[in-house]
Amino acid sequence: MVFSTDASVTTGCGKMFEIEWFANKWSEQILHLPAPEKSTALFEIIPIILAAVLWDARWKRKRICLFYHNRARLNIVNKGRSKSSLI
């Protein structure tokens, strides 16, 4: 199964899976995080988490393929952890 995501540090994020999609505007709390906490990896991992919550029943017993253009996000997903307490 393949899906795609995109995120902007100033606006929000979105995800597309098959013919379904969602868009999410960042909350004021996320937008006003201190600079050290605002990482591209954080903003790009959020739509993956949202998608897993939204489509979890349809993803059970499936192999999920994620394509990354962000090395930090790739490492976080592959290792299952991050140096960031927010992630």
Protein backbone atom coordinates (compact mmCIF):
# COMPACT_ATOMS: atom_id res chain seq x y z
CA MET A 1 0.00 0.00 0.00
CA VAL A 2 1.32 3.40 -0.93
CA PHE A 3 0.26 6.79 0.35
CA SER A 4 1.64 10.28 0.19
CA THR A 5 1.91 13.22 2.58
CA ASP A 6 2.98 16.80 2.48
CA ALA A 7 3.50 19.40 5.16
CA SER A 8 4.29 23.07 5.46
CA VAL A 9 5.80 24.55 8.61
CA THR A 10 3.59 27.63 8.23
CA THR A 11 0.23 26.24 7.10
CA GLY A 12 -0.55 22.60 7.82
CA CYS A 13 -0.40 19.14 6.35
CA GLY A 14 -2.30 16.72 4.19
CA LYS A 15 -2.40 13.09 3.25
CA MET A 16 -3.83 11.10 0.39
CA PHE A 17 -4.63 7.38 0.50
CA GLU A 18 -6.36 5.71 -2.42
CA ILE A 19 -9.26 8.11 -3.19
CA GLU A 20 -9.49 9.59 0.31
CA TRP A 21 -7.60 12.56 1.66
CA PHE A 22 -7.48 14.97 4.56
CA ALA A 23 -6.01 18.38 5.24
CA ASN A 24 -5.07 19.72 8.65
CA LYS A 25 -4.29 23.30 9.61
CA TRP A 26 -1.65 23.65 12.33
CA SER A 27 -2.91 24.75 15.71
CA GLU A 28 -1.63 27.95 17.29
CA GLN A 29 0.15 25.79 19.88
CA ILE A 30 2.20 24.05 17.19
CA LEU A 31 2.85 27.26 15.26
CA HIS A 32 4.22 28.97 18.36
CA LEU A 33 6.61 26.23 19.48
CA PRO A 34 10.09 27.45 20.42
CA ALA A 35 12.50 27.40 17.47
CA PRO A 36 14.54 24.41 18.74
CA GLU A 37 11.36 22.29 18.87
CA LYS A 38 10.24 23.27 15.35
CA SER A 39 11.84 20.68 13.12
CA THR A 40 10.86 19.66 9.62
CA ALA A 41 10.73 16.09 10.87
CA LEU A 42 8.08 17.03 13.45
CA PHE A 43 5.88 18.73 10.87
CA GLU A 44 6.26 15.88 8.42
CA ILE A 45 5.70 13.04 10.91
CA ILE A 46 2.36 14.44 12.13
CA PRO A 47 0.39 13.59 8.95
CA ILE A 48 1.71 10.01 9.12
CA ILE A 49 0.41 9.69 12.67
CA LEU A 50 -2.93 11.25 11.72
CA ALA A 51 -3.27 8.86 8.79
CA ALA A 52 -2.49 5.85 10.97
CA VAL A 53 -5.23 6.91 13.40
CA LEU A 54 -7.72 7.67 10.62
CA TRP A 55 -7.15 4.60 8.46
CA ASP A 56 -5.84 2.07 11.01
CA ALA A 57 -8.57 -0.50 10.40
CA ARG A 58 -7.87 -0.52 6.66
CA TRP A 59 -4.11 -0.87 7.21
CA LYS A 60 -4.25 -3.92 9.49
CA ARG A 61 -2.16 -6.84 8.19
CA LYS A 62 -0.97 -4.68 5.27
CA ARG A 63 2.50 -3.67 4.23
CA ILE A 64 2.76 0.12 4.13
CA CYS A 65 5.31 1.81 1.87
CA LEU A 66 6.40 5.35 2.74
CA PHE A 67 8.41 7.47 0.32
CA TYR A 68 10.55 10.15 1.95
CA HIS A 69 12.38 13.23 0.82
CA ASN A 70 13.39 13.97 4.40
CA ARG A 71 16.23 11.88 5.87
CA ALA A 72 15.38 12.79 9.47
CA ARG A 73 11.82 11.54 9.10
CA LEU A 74 13.07 8.32 7.49
CA ASN A 75 15.39 7.66 10.44
CA ILE A 76 12.64 8.36 12.98
CA VAL A 77 10.19 5.94 11.37
CA ASN A 78 12.80 3.23 10.82
CA LYS A 79 14.16 3.45 14.37
CA GLY A 80 10.80 4.05 16.02
CA ARG A 81 12.22 6.87 18.16
CA SER A 82 13.52 10.42 18.01
CA LYS A 83 15.74 12.78 20.00
CA SER A 84 12.81 15.21 20.04
CA SER A 85 10.49 14.76 23.02
CA LEU A 86 7.60 16.04 20.87
CA ILE A 87 8.06 13.34 18.26
